[in-house]
């Protein structure tokens, strides 16, 4: 009897969560998220998990179980599900958000979308899967217990222990304690905030802070937050209602989440006429408006960024407006957020961030909450999950404080196979895992070679060499025209005449040297041009542009 646990995403990184549990002929998958590209992934829209391992075993998959509706847990499903065609299980709001994302890409069989209730076990092959409530920054969040013939494994999902949750649904600590009494083989625990001491503050703290800031505002209030943070959005709406402000929602993802949450009863408007269309924003005084928008991460095409640069068609930021950024920058986005803030200050807006007051609190557990969950479940093995390596190591240190030995707390990477028996845990063979890049309509057609080319283009530009030649049977081989050189992103040609003329001369010498040979080949000629110009430009500029020889036969 062996249980395999394989992370295909979400470990050693933040984002694109996907976790595989495999016992004999039964596979259960948890989540299917995305990761947003960093600065090095030029032109890439999304990063999703590599599911090659699952595609080869899709007949064994009994279902995908979703923990909550954040993009890093559901954003990859529209790309993953059509390849697997398996049932999807999620709570009501989470399923509503999943359904909306699937419809954007053509839908998915409704019979395979199944709403579950926490506390109701579901038989999925050899696994008995049961969801339990957790508190997070979005309603209807759950973790999962997977009971197999090997033993019970608990996956917390993203969580914090919020004793005063906005929706009144507390984390089911009693269930965790009961399972701990029965015996837990392994606990996979959210390690995102494992470096932070103490406890994460309640979401309710943000509500009272927002009311204070709203009361100070004299012009428009523009508040940017994660679109899926329904609790935060509800608190902003409640604060606006107390001050008799209208609310308009801007940004496609924000509009979609607000619409879905309202339809399913997870978002409530204190007054029927509070929500107005963005087109009506000029019909009321600025002091009567709250704009809820996307762009808290400084994304170049998000609504707040376009407002800050004066490129939004409907919402203009004026001097004296208050802009509240109710989020923490995701690692790697700090520069983008800083750039947006600078633009807002240049306009004359008042900018409020988490550093100026509690307009944001984390949705992830800090050290004391992690200790509580470990003590309640008392697992034989403790597996840090959902976090970069430094977060996993921080959770391992927490485990050491609670008496766990090094061998009981593995640090996993993508594709690591953990093999568990009722008594032991060991590392098995690595499986194929990694990232698939989504660029426009292309999925997986952009790899490291293409990215390397894009990076070279972004650094040193491109030089195109065009030359026309004759290649007659029995006659002489001659250069008819050229070589002509066209540069983009490398040097301004009008001011680099000596450089360009020198490049033409060395290219001509290289071409003539090849065509003197009776058996010359087009590929060899292109290679000679490329090598000669590459060395020439490096010697003269210490730059290596991409060189594209274009040969024409006339």
Protein backbone atom coordinates (compact mmCIF):
# COMPACT_ATOMS: atom_id res chain seq x y z
CA UNK A 1 0.00 0.00 0.00
CA UNK A 2 1.59 3.24 -1.18
CA UNK A 3 0.17 6.72 -1.53
CA UNK A 4 1.89 9.13 -3.90
CA UNK A 5 1.70 12.91 -3.41
CA UNK A 6 3.02 14.93 -6.35
CA UNK A 7 3.03 18.74 -6.58
CA UNK A 8 2.81 19.87 -10.21
CA UNK A 9 2.50 23.50 -9.13
CA UNK A 10 2.42 25.70 -6.06
CA UNK A 11 5.50 24.39 -4.31
CA UNK A 12 8.79 26.26 -4.42
CA UNK A 13 6.79 29.10 -5.95
CA UNK A 14 3.76 31.32 -5.43
CA UNK A 15 1.02 30.50 -7.90
CA UNK A 16 -0.22 27.88 -10.40
CA UNK A 17 -1.25 25.51 -7.63
CA UNK A 18 -1.90 21.91 -8.64
CA UNK A 19 -1.49 18.95 -6.33
CA UNK A 20 -1.84 15.26 -7.25
CA UNK A 21 -2.78 12.37 -4.94
CA UNK A 22 -2.37 8.90 -6.44
CA UNK A 23 -3.19 5.49 -4.98
CA UNK A 24 -3.04 2.51 -7.37
CA UNK A 25 -5.63 3.27 -10.11
CA UNK A 26 -7.13 6.35 -8.43
CA UNK A 27 -5.94 9.92 -8.87
CA UNK A 28 -7.41 12.97 -7.17
CA UNK A 29 -6.25 16.46 -8.19
CA UNK A 30 -6.56 19.59 -6.06
CA UNK A 31 -6.74 22.99 -7.81
CA UNK A 32 -5.53 24.15 -11.20
CA UNK A 33 -4.17 27.68 -11.01
CA UNK A 34 -2.09 30.17 -12.95
CA UNK A 35 0.94 32.29 -12.19
CA UNK A 36 1.36 35.72 -13.68
CA UNK A 37 4.59 36.27 -15.64
CA UNK A 38 7.55 38.19 -14.27
CA UNK A 39 9.63 40.72 -16.21
CA UNK A 40 11.77 38.02 -17.83
CA UNK A 41 8.80 36.30 -19.52
CA UNK A 42 8.45 38.86 -22.30
CA UNK A 43 5.08 38.79 -24.05
CA UNK A 44 3.73 35.92 -21.95
CA UNK A 45 0.18 36.38 -20.65
CA UNK A 46 -0.12 33.49 -18.18
CA UNK A 47 1.90 30.59 -16.81
CA UNK A 48 0.07 27.31 -16.14
CA UNK A 49 1.25 23.94 -14.77
CA UNK A 50 2.63 21.27 -17.08
CA UNK A 51 0.07 18.45 -16.84
CA UNK A 52 1.85 15.92 -19.07
CA UNK A 53 1.88 13.45 -16.17
CA UNK A 54 -1.90 13.70 -15.81
CA UNK A 55 -2.63 13.54 -19.54
CA UNK A 56 -0.94 10.14 -19.70
CA UNK A 57 -3.10 8.89 -16.79
CA UNK A 58 -6.37 10.75 -17.30
CA UNK A 59 -8.42 7.54 -17.18
CA UNK A 60 -7.36 7.22 -13.52
CA UNK A 61 -8.43 10.75 -12.51
CA UNK A 62 -11.59 10.68 -10.37
CA UNK A 63 -11.99 14.43 -10.05
CA UNK A 64 -10.44 17.85 -9.55
CA UNK A 65 -11.30 19.41 -6.19
CA UNK A 66 -10.96 23.19 -5.88
CA UNK A 67 -10.13 24.95 -2.61
CA UNK A 68 -11.25 28.51 -3.45
CA UNK A 69 -11.77 31.04 -6.22
CA UNK A 70 -8.45 32.87 -6.44
CA UNK A 71 -6.71 32.96 -9.82
CA UNK A 72 -3.70 31.03 -8.58
CA UNK A 73 -6.05 28.13 -7.82
CA UNK A 74 -8.66 28.25 -10.64
CA UNK A 75 -7.09 30.35 -13.42
CA UNK A 76 -5.54 27.36 -15.19
CA UNK A 77 -8.72 25.26 -15.30
CA UNK A 78 -9.95 26.61 -18.68
CA UNK A 79 -6.69 25.32 -20.21
CA UNK A 80 -6.41 22.11 -18.16
CA UNK A 81 -9.94 20.70 -18.09
CA UNK A 82 -10.50 20.27 -21.86
CA UNK A 83 -7.43 18.00 -21.92
CA UNK A 84 -8.67 15.81 -19.06
CA UNK A 85 -12.49 15.93 -19.26
CA UNK A 86 -13.03 14.97 -15.60
CA UNK A 87 -15.51 16.05 -12.87
CA UNK A 88 -14.81 19.29 -11.00
CA UNK A 89 -15.90 19.73 -7.37
CA UNK A 90 -16.10 23.10 -5.61
CA UNK A 91 -18.22 25.07 -3.16
CA UNK A 92 -20.99 27.34 -4.45
CA UNK A 93 -19.13 30.65 -4.96
CA UNK A 94 -15.97 28.94 -6.14
CA UNK A 95 -17.95 26.97 -8.72
CA UNK A 96 -19.66 30.17 -9.87
CA UNK A 97 -16.26 31.76 -10.52
CA UNK A 98 -14.97 28.58 -12.21
CA UNK A 99 -18.04 28.45 -14.45
CA UNK A 100 -17.56 32.08 -15.48
CA UNK A 101 -13.92 31.44 -16.42
CA UNK A 102 -14.80 28.32 -18.40
CA UNK A 103 -17.48 30.17 -20.36
CA UNK A 104 -14.86 32.65 -21.56
CA UNK A 105 -13.17 29.81 -23.46
CA UNK A 106 -16.21 28.00 -24.76
CA UNK A 107 -17.64 26.33 -21.67
CA UNK A 108 -17.40 22.84 -20.16
CA UNK A 109 -20.02 20.09 -19.77
CA UNK A 110 -22.37 21.18 -16.99
CA UNK A 111 -22.73 17.56 -15.87
CA UNK A 112 -19.06 17.59 -14.84
CA UNK A 113 -19.39 20.72 -12.64
CA UNK A 114 -20.48 19.55 -9.19
CA UNK A 115 -21.14 21.79 -6.20
CA UNK A 116 -20.11 20.29 -2.86
CA UNK A 117 -20.88 21.14 0.75
CA UNK A 118 -18.20 21.13 3.47
CA UNK A 119 -18.60 18.13 5.73
CA UNK A 120 -20.12 15.83 3.10
CA UNK A 121 -17.69 13.03 2.10
CA UNK A 122 -17.35 12.23 -1.62
CA UNK A 123 -16.08 8.86 -2.81
CA UNK A 124 -13.50 9.37 -5.56
CA UNK A 125 -12.10 5.97 -6.44
CA UNK A 126 -10.06 4.72 -3.48
CA UNK A 127 -10.23 8.15 -1.82
CA UNK A 128 -12.89 9.51 0.49
CA UNK A 129 -12.61 13.28 0.01
CA UNK A 130 -14.18 15.69 2.49
CA UNK A 131 -14.01 19.48 2.38
CA UNK A 132 -13.73 21.48 5.60
CA UNK A 133 -14.21 25.22 6.01
CA UNK A 134 -11.24 27.53 6.34
CA UNK A 135 -11.11 31.31 6.64
CA UNK A 136 -9.30 33.16 3.87
CA UNK A 137 -9.70 36.40 1.90
CA UNK A 138 -12.53 35.02 -0.23
CA UNK A 139 -15.77 33.33 0.92
CA UNK A 140 -16.42 29.61 0.55
CA UNK A 141 -12.77 28.62 0.98
CA UNK A 142 -12.09 25.04 2.02
CA UNK A 143 -9.30 22.61 2.74
CA UNK A 144 -9.56 18.87 2.05
CA UNK A 145 -9.17 15.61 3.92
CA UNK A 146 -8.30 12.63 1.75
CA UNK A 147 -8.82 9.27 3.41
CA UNK A 148 -7.10 6.41 1.57
CA UNK A 149 -6.21 2.82 2.51
CA UNK A 150 -2.80 4.18 3.52
CA UNK A 151 -4.19 6.77 5.93
CA UNK A 152 -5.66 10.26 6.15
CA UNK A 153 -3.93 13.24 4.54
CA UNK A 154 -5.11 16.80 5.23
CA UNK A 155 -4.46 19.70 2.87
CA UNK A 156 -5.18 23.08 4.43
CA UNK A 157 -5.38 25.06 1.20
CA UNK A 158 -4.88 28.81 1.69
CA UNK A 159 -6.02 29.70 5.19
CA UNK A 160 -5.74 31.86 8.26
CA UNK A 161 -7.54 31.47 11.58
CA UNK A 162 -9.95 34.42 11.62
CA UNK A 163 -12.11 34.32 14.75
CA UNK A 164 -14.32 37.17 13.48
CA UNK A 165 -14.86 36.36 9.79
CA UNK A 166 -16.93 38.74 7.67
CA UNK A 167 -19.45 36.07 6.64
CA UNK A 168 -19.63 34.41 10.07
CA UNK A 169 -18.25 31.08 8.79
CA UNK A 170 -15.37 30.18 11.10
CA UNK A 171 -12.63 27.73 10.27
CA UNK A 172 -13.69 24.21 11.27
CA UNK A 173 -11.03 23.64 13.91
CA UNK A 174 -13.23 21.06 15.62
CA UNK A 175 -13.13 18.84 12.56
CA UNK A 176 -9.33 19.10 12.45
CA UNK A 177 -9.13 18.16 16.13
CA UNK A 178 -11.41 15.15 15.59
CA UNK A 179 -9.29 13.89 12.73
CA UNK A 180 -6.20 14.47 14.86
CA UNK A 181 -7.69 12.17 17.51
CA UNK A 182 -8.31 9.47 14.88
CA UNK A 183 -4.82 9.80 13.42
CA UNK A 184 -3.45 11.86 10.54
CA UNK A 185 -0.73 10.45 8.31
CA UNK A 186 0.35 13.77 6.75
CA UNK A 187 -0.53 17.46 6.82
CA UNK A 188 0.16 19.63 3.80
CA UNK A 189 0.18 23.14 5.22
CA UNK A 190 0.06 26.62 3.68
CA UNK A 191 3.54 28.07 4.28
CA UNK A 192 3.12 31.50 2.63
CA UNK A 193 3.36 33.45 5.89
CA UNK A 194 5.48 30.99 7.85
CA UNK A 195 8.15 33.66 8.29
CA UNK A 196 5.76 36.01 10.11
CA UNK A 197 5.51 35.85 13.88
CA UNK A 198 2.26 36.02 15.78
CA UNK A 199 -1.17 35.81 14.15
CA UNK A 200 -2.59 37.36 11.02
CA UNK A 201 -5.10 40.10 11.76
CA UNK A 202 -8.81 39.67 11.10
CA UNK A 203 -10.29 40.98 7.87
CA UNK A 204 -12.72 43.03 9.96
CA UNK A 205 -9.88 45.37 10.91
CA UNK A 206 -9.79 46.56 7.31
CA UNK A 207 -13.46 47.52 7.41
CA UNK A 208 -13.06 50.01 10.24
CA UNK A 209 -9.89 51.44 8.65
CA UNK A 210 -11.65 51.97 5.32
CA UNK A 211 -14.43 53.89 7.06
CA UNK A 212 -11.87 56.25 8.60
CA UNK A 213 -10.14 56.91 5.29
CA UNK A 214 -13.41 57.29 3.39
CA UNK A 215 -14.56 59.91 5.90
CA UNK A 216 -11.46 62.03 5.18
CA UNK A 217 -11.87 62.02 1.41
CA UNK A 218 -13.19 65.16 -0.25
CA UNK A 219 -13.08 64.08 -3.90
CA UNK A 220 -13.54 60.73 -5.60
CA UNK A 221 -12.34 57.62 -3.83
CA UNK A 222 -10.69 55.07 -6.09
CA UNK A 223 -9.96 51.78 -4.38
CA UNK A 224 -7.93 49.04 -6.02
CA UNK A 225 -7.93 45.51 -4.65
CA UNK A 226 -7.86 41.95 -5.88
CA UNK A 227 -11.04 41.31 -7.85
CA UNK A 228 -11.71 38.06 -6.01
CA UNK A 229 -11.47 39.60 -2.51
CA UNK A 230 -15.23 39.61 -2.00
CA UNK A 231 -14.97 40.32 1.75
CA UNK A 232 -12.89 43.45 1.05
CA UNK A 233 -15.32 44.60 -1.63
CA UNK A 234 -18.27 44.11 0.73
CA UNK A 235 -16.61 46.18 3.45
CA UNK A 236 -15.85 48.97 0.97
CA UNK A 237 -19.49 48.97 -0.15
CA UNK A 238 -20.69 49.14 3.46
CA UNK A 239 -18.34 52.04 4.23
CA UNK A 240 -19.51 53.89 1.11
CA UNK A 241 -23.16 53.37 2.10
CA UNK A 242 -22.61 55.03 5.48
CA UNK A 243 -21.22 58.10 3.71
CA UNK A 244 -23.93 58.08 1.01
CA UNK A 245 -21.49 57.46 -1.82
CA UNK A 246 -22.47 55.76 -5.04
CA UNK A 247 -20.32 52.85 -6.21
CA UNK A 248 -19.17 51.97 -9.71
CA UNK A 249 -17.13 48.90 -10.58
CA UNK A 250 -14.35 49.18 -13.18
CA UNK A 251 -12.25 46.40 -14.67
CA UNK A 252 -13.43 43.24 -16.43
CA UNK A 253 -12.38 40.77 -13.74
CA UNK A 254 -13.80 42.97 -10.96
CA UNK A 255 -17.12 43.31 -12.80
CA UNK A 256 -17.29 39.54 -13.32
CA UNK A 257 -16.60 38.67 -9.68
CA UNK A 258 -19.04 41.29 -8.34
CA UNK A 259 -21.76 40.05 -10.71
CA UNK A 260 -21.19 36.39 -9.80
CA UNK A 261 -20.98 37.03 -6.04
CA UNK A 262 -24.14 39.14 -6.14
CA UNK A 263 -26.09 36.54 -8.12
CA UNK A 264 -25.10 33.80 -5.66
CA UNK A 265 -25.87 35.89 -2.57
CA UNK A 266 -22.30 36.45 -1.38
CA UNK A 267 -22.35 40.22 -1.98
CA UNK A 268 -25.09 42.55 -0.76
CA UNK A 269 -25.93 46.17 -1.54
CA UNK A 270 -27.28 48.22 1.40
CA UNK A 271 -29.37 50.28 -1.04
CA UNK A 272 -30.74 49.30 -4.44
CA UNK A 273 -29.54 52.45 -6.19
CA UNK A 274 -25.94 52.32 -4.89
CA UNK A 275 -24.44 50.58 -7.88
CA UNK A 276 -24.18 52.83 -10.91
CA UNK A 277 -22.67 52.37 -14.34
CA UNK A 278 -19.26 53.93 -14.94
CA UNK A 279 -20.84 56.01 -17.69
CA UNK A 280 -22.85 57.87 -15.05
CA UNK A 281 -19.79 58.99 -13.12
CA UNK A 282 -20.02 62.58 -14.40
CA UNK A 283 -23.65 62.94 -13.33
CA UNK A 284 -22.74 63.16 -9.64
CA UNK A 285 -20.27 65.33 -7.67
CA UNK A 286 -16.88 63.62 -7.15
CA UNK A 287 -17.52 63.56 -3.40
CA UNK A 288 -20.41 61.17 -4.01
CA UNK A 289 -18.40 58.40 -5.68
CA UNK A 290 -16.42 55.29 -4.82
CA UNK A 291 -14.74 53.55 -7.74
CA UNK A 292 -13.85 49.89 -7.13
CA UNK A 293 -11.23 48.80 -9.60
CA UNK A 294 -8.53 46.35 -10.55
CA UNK A 295 -4.83 47.18 -10.85
CA UNK A 296 -3.55 46.82 -7.29
CA UNK A 297 -0.46 45.07 -8.73
CA UNK A 298 0.41 47.82 -11.19
CA UNK A 299 -0.37 45.65 -14.22
CA UNK A 300 0.28 47.75 -17.36
CA UNK A 301 -3.20 47.30 -18.83
CA UNK A 302 -5.23 47.21 -15.61
CA UNK A 303 -7.79 49.91 -14.95
CA UNK A 304 -5.92 51.75 -12.17
CA UNK A 305 -2.72 51.92 -14.22
CA UNK A 306 -4.60 53.41 -17.16
CA UNK A 307 -6.28 55.92 -14.83
CA UNK A 308 -2.90 56.91 -13.38
CA UNK A 309 -1.46 57.53 -16.83
CA UNK A 310 -4.54 59.36 -18.11
CA UNK A 311 -5.40 56.62 -20.59
CA UNK A 312 -8.70 55.41 -19.13
CA UNK A 313 -11.62 56.40 -21.32
CA UNK A 314 -14.17 56.89 -18.55
CA UNK A 315 -12.46 57.52 -15.21
CA UNK A 316 -10.11 60.44 -14.69
CA UNK A 317 -8.01 60.91 -11.56
CA UNK A 318 -8.16 64.54 -10.46
CA UNK A 319 -6.06 66.46 -7.93
CA UNK A 320 -7.47 65.85 -4.46
CA UNK A 321 -8.91 62.42 -5.25
CA UNK A 322 -8.06 59.63 -2.82
CA UNK A 323 -6.61 56.41 -4.23
CA UNK A 324 -6.49 53.43 -1.86
CA UNK A 325 -4.35 50.46 -2.87
CA UNK A 326 -5.77 47.69 -0.71
CA UNK A 327 -3.29 44.92 -1.43
CA UNK A 328 0.30 43.81 -0.94
CA UNK A 329 2.46 43.70 -4.08
CA UNK A 330 3.07 40.16 -5.23
CA UNK A 331 6.86 39.48 -5.24
CA UNK A 332 8.22 40.91 -8.48
CA UNK A 333 5.49 43.54 -8.88
CA UNK A 334 6.98 46.14 -6.54
CA UNK A 335 8.38 48.27 -9.38
CA UNK A 336 5.10 48.26 -11.28
CA UNK A 337 3.16 49.31 -8.18
CA UNK A 338 5.72 52.01 -7.36
CA UNK A 339 5.47 53.40 -10.90
CA UNK A 340 1.67 53.63 -10.63
CA UNK A 341 1.92 55.39 -7.25
CA UNK A 342 4.36 57.93 -8.69
CA UNK A 343 1.98 58.73 -11.55
CA UNK A 344 -0.85 59.25 -9.06
CA UNK A 345 1.24 61.61 -6.95
CA UNK A 346 2.18 63.60 -10.05
CA UNK A 347 -1.51 64.15 -10.73
CA UNK A 348 -1.99 65.42 -7.17
CA UNK A 349 -3.98 62.51 -5.78
CA UNK A 350 -3.71 61.31 -2.17
CA UNK A 351 -2.43 57.74 -2.20
CA UNK A 352 -3.11 55.35 0.68
CA UNK A 353 -1.25 52.04 0.93
CA UNK A 354 -1.00 49.32 3.57
CA UNK A 355 2.08 51.05 4.96
CA UNK A 356 -0.03 54.06 5.97
CA UNK A 357 -2.78 52.15 7.72
CA UNK A 358 -4.52 48.79 7.84
CA UNK A 359 -6.18 48.99 4.44
CA UNK A 360 -4.96 45.45 3.77
CA UNK A 361 -4.36 42.32 5.83
CA UNK A 362 -3.07 38.99 4.60
CA UNK A 363 -5.25 35.99 3.96
CA UNK A 364 -2.56 33.54 5.03
CA UNK A 365 -1.72 32.08 8.43
CA UNK A 366 1.22 33.34 10.46
CA UNK A 367 3.34 31.23 12.79
CA UNK A 368 0.94 30.89 15.73
CA UNK A 369 -1.96 29.80 13.51
CA UNK A 370 0.26 27.26 11.77
CA UNK A 371 1.29 25.88 15.17
CA UNK A 372 -2.38 25.62 16.17
CA UNK A 373 -3.31 23.58 13.10
CA UNK A 374 -0.30 21.28 13.51
CA UNK A 375 -1.13 20.70 17.19
CA UNK A 376 -4.80 19.97 16.41
CA UNK A 377 -4.10 17.49 13.60
CA UNK A 378 -0.92 15.94 15.09
CA UNK A 379 0.26 14.50 11.75
CA UNK A 380 2.97 11.89 11.46
CA UNK A 381 4.52 13.84 8.59
CA UNK A 382 4.46 17.60 7.98
CA UNK A 383 4.71 18.78 4.36
CA UNK A 384 5.22 22.50 3.71
CA UNK A 385 3.21 23.59 0.65
CA UNK A 386 2.10 26.74 -1.17
CA UNK A 387 5.18 28.88 -0.92
CA UNK A 388 8.68 29.55 -2.12
CA UNK A 389 11.61 27.58 -0.67
CA UNK A 390 12.22 30.19 2.04
CA UNK A 391 8.60 29.81 3.18
CA UNK A 392 8.89 26.02 3.21
CA UNK A 393 12.08 26.21 5.27
CA UNK A 394 10.37 28.61 7.70
CA UNK A 395 7.55 26.09 8.19
CA UNK A 396 10.12 23.34 8.71
CA UNK A 397 11.60 25.43 11.55
CA UNK A 398 8.14 25.66 13.10
CA UNK A 399 7.94 21.88 12.88
CA UNK A 400 11.27 21.55 14.65
CA UNK A 401 9.94 23.68 17.52
CA UNK A 402 7.00 21.30 17.82
CA UNK A 403 9.22 18.22 18.01
CA UNK A 404 9.33 17.02 14.39
CA UNK A 405 12.58 15.65 13.00
CA UNK A 406 14.16 16.70 9.70
CA UNK A 407 13.13 13.48 7.95
CA UNK A 408 9.49 14.11 8.84
CA UNK A 409 9.37 17.50 7.06
CA UNK A 410 10.34 17.22 3.37
CA UNK A 411 11.10 20.26 1.23
CA UNK A 412 9.49 19.45 -2.12
CA UNK A 413 9.97 20.83 -5.62
CA UNK A 414 7.81 20.65 -8.70
CA UNK A 415 7.56 17.02 -9.73
CA UNK A 416 8.79 15.62 -6.40
CA UNK A 417 7.08 12.30 -5.72
CA UNK A 418 6.46 11.66 -2.04
CA UNK A 419 5.72 7.99 -1.39
CA UNK A 420 3.86 7.32 1.87
CA UNK A 421 3.04 4.09 3.63
CA UNK A 422 1.30 3.90 7.02
CA UNK A 423 4.73 4.00 8.66
CA UNK A 424 7.19 5.63 6.29
CA UNK A 425 7.69 8.51 3.86
CA UNK A 426 10.36 8.52 1.17
CA UNK A 427 11.19 10.30 -2.08
CA UNK A 428 10.33 8.47 -5.29
CA UNK A 429 11.30 9.18 -8.89
CA UNK A 430 10.71 12.75 -10.11
CA UNK A 431 7.87 13.17 -12.59
CA UNK A 432 7.63 15.54 -15.54
CA UNK A 433 6.64 18.96 -14.23
CA UNK A 434 7.22 22.62 -14.92
CA UNK A 435 5.55 25.55 -16.65
CA UNK A 436 3.55 26.01 -19.83
CA UNK A 437 3.38 29.53 -21.24
CA UNK A 438 0.19 31.06 -22.61
CA UNK A 439 0.77 33.78 -25.20
CA UNK A 440 -2.43 35.05 -26.81
CA UNK A 441 -4.17 32.02 -28.30
CA UNK A 442 -0.99 29.96 -28.18
CA UNK A 443 -0.63 27.47 -25.34
CA UNK A 444 2.75 25.87 -24.92
CA UNK A 445 4.13 27.03 -28.28
CA UNK A 446 6.49 29.51 -26.62
CA UNK A 447 9.47 27.81 -24.99
CA UNK A 448 12.86 28.77 -23.65
CA UNK A 449 14.35 29.31 -27.11
CA UNK A 450 11.64 31.81 -28.08
CA UNK A 451 11.94 33.55 -24.72
CA UNK A 452 15.70 33.78 -25.13
CA UNK A 453 15.19 35.40 -28.54
CA UNK A 454 12.72 37.88 -27.04
CA UNK A 455 15.13 38.74 -24.26
CA UNK A 456 17.92 39.32 -26.77
CA UNK A 457 15.64 41.53 -28.86
CA UNK A 458 14.65 43.53 -25.79
CA UNK A 459 18.30 44.07 -24.78
CA UNK A 460 20.18 44.66 -28.03
CA UNK A 461 17.61 44.91 -30.82
CA UNK A 462 17.73 43.38 -34.29
CA UNK A 463 19.75 43.95 -37.47
CA UNK A 464 18.36 42.69 -40.79
CA UNK A 465 20.84 42.17 -43.65
CA UNK A 466 19.28 42.01 -47.13
CA UNK A 467 21.32 40.95 -50.14
CA UNK A 468 20.34 39.82 -53.66
CA UNK A 469 22.57 37.38 -55.56
CA UNK A 470 22.68 35.57 -58.87
CA UNK A 471 23.46 31.90 -58.91
CA UNK A 472 23.61 30.79 -62.49
CA UNK A 473 24.41 27.37 -63.90
CA UNK A 474 27.90 27.62 -65.24
CA UNK A 475 27.86 31.41 -64.93
CA UNK A 476 29.42 33.69 -62.33
CA UNK A 477 27.84 34.16 -58.87
CA UNK A 478 27.46 37.86 -58.20
CA UNK A 479 26.04 40.30 -55.65
CA UNK A 480 23.31 42.14 -57.56
CA UNK A 481 22.29 44.51 -54.79
CA UNK A 482 23.15 45.11 -51.19
CA UNK A 483 24.01 44.22 -48.63
CA UNK A 484 21.45 46.65 -47.17
CA UNK A 485 21.23 46.90 -43.41
CA UNK A 486 18.09 47.73 -41.42
CA UNK A 487 18.32 48.24 -37.67
CA UNK A 488 15.56 48.27 -35.05
CA UNK A 489 16.26 48.72 -31.35
CA UNK A 490 20.02 48.51 -31.88
CA UNK A 491 21.16 51.94 -33.04
CA UNK A 492 19.61 55.04 -34.62
CA UNK A 493 20.77 54.62 -38.21
CA UNK A 494 20.85 58.32 -39.13
CA UNK A 495 23.39 58.96 -36.39
CA UNK A 496 25.45 55.79 -36.92
CA UNK A 497 26.43 56.10 -40.58
CA UNK A 498 30.05 55.03 -40.00
CA UNK A 499 28.93 51.93 -38.08
CA UNK A 500 26.43 50.89 -40.75
CA UNK A 501 28.85 51.49 -43.63
CA UNK A 502 31.52 49.49 -41.82
CA UNK A 503 29.01 46.66 -41.32
CA UNK A 504 28.17 46.67 -45.04
CA UNK A 505 31.85 46.36 -45.93
CA UNK A 506 32.55 43.39 -43.63
CA UNK A 507 29.34 41.71 -44.76
CA UNK A 508 30.35 42.16 -48.40
CA UNK A 509 33.77 40.61 -47.74
CA UNK A 510 32.11 37.64 -45.99
CA UNK A 511 29.63 37.12 -48.84
CA UNK A 512 32.24 37.38 -51.59
CA UNK A 513 34.48 34.97 -49.74
CA UNK A 514 31.70 32.35 -49.81
CA UNK A 515 30.42 32.82 -53.38
CA UNK A 516 33.95 32.34 -54.75
CA UNK A 517 33.56 28.73 -53.71
CA UNK A 518 31.80 26.76 -56.41
CA UNK A 519 29.81 24.59 -53.97
CA UNK A 520 28.61 27.25 -51.55
CA UNK A 521 25.32 26.70 -49.68
CA UNK A 522 22.68 29.23 -48.58
CA UNK A 523 22.85 28.04 -44.97
CA UNK A 524 26.62 28.40 -44.86
CA UNK A 525 26.36 31.89 -46.36
CA UNK A 526 23.81 32.97 -43.76
CA UNK A 527 26.05 31.61 -41.01
CA UNK A 528 29.06 33.52 -42.34
CA UNK A 529 27.11 36.80 -42.45
CA UNK A 530 25.78 36.23 -38.94
CA UNK A 531 29.18 35.38 -37.43
CA UNK A 532 31.04 38.20 -39.18
CA UNK A 533 28.53 40.92 -38.23
CA UNK A 534 28.11 39.59 -34.70
CA UNK A 535 31.86 39.91 -34.10
CA UNK A 536 31.97 43.30 -35.83
CA UNK A 537 29.15 44.80 -33.75
CA UNK A 538 30.60 43.39 -30.54
CA UNK A 539 34.00 44.90 -31.25
CA UNK A 540 32.51 48.30 -32.08
CA UNK A 541 29.62 48.56 -29.58
CA UNK A 542 29.95 45.74 -27.01
CA UNK A 543 26.40 44.75 -27.95
CA UNK A 544 25.07 41.64 -29.67
CA UNK A 545 21.90 42.40 -31.65
CA UNK A 546 19.91 39.59 -33.23
CA UNK A 547 21.16 39.34 -36.82
CA UNK A 548 18.75 38.13 -39.50
CA UNK A 549 20.30 37.59 -42.97
CA UNK A 550 17.73 37.72 -45.81
CA UNK A 551 19.10 36.26 -49.08
CA UNK A 552 17.31 36.74 -52.38
CA UNK A 553 18.16 34.80 -55.54
CA UNK A 554 17.59 36.68 -58.81
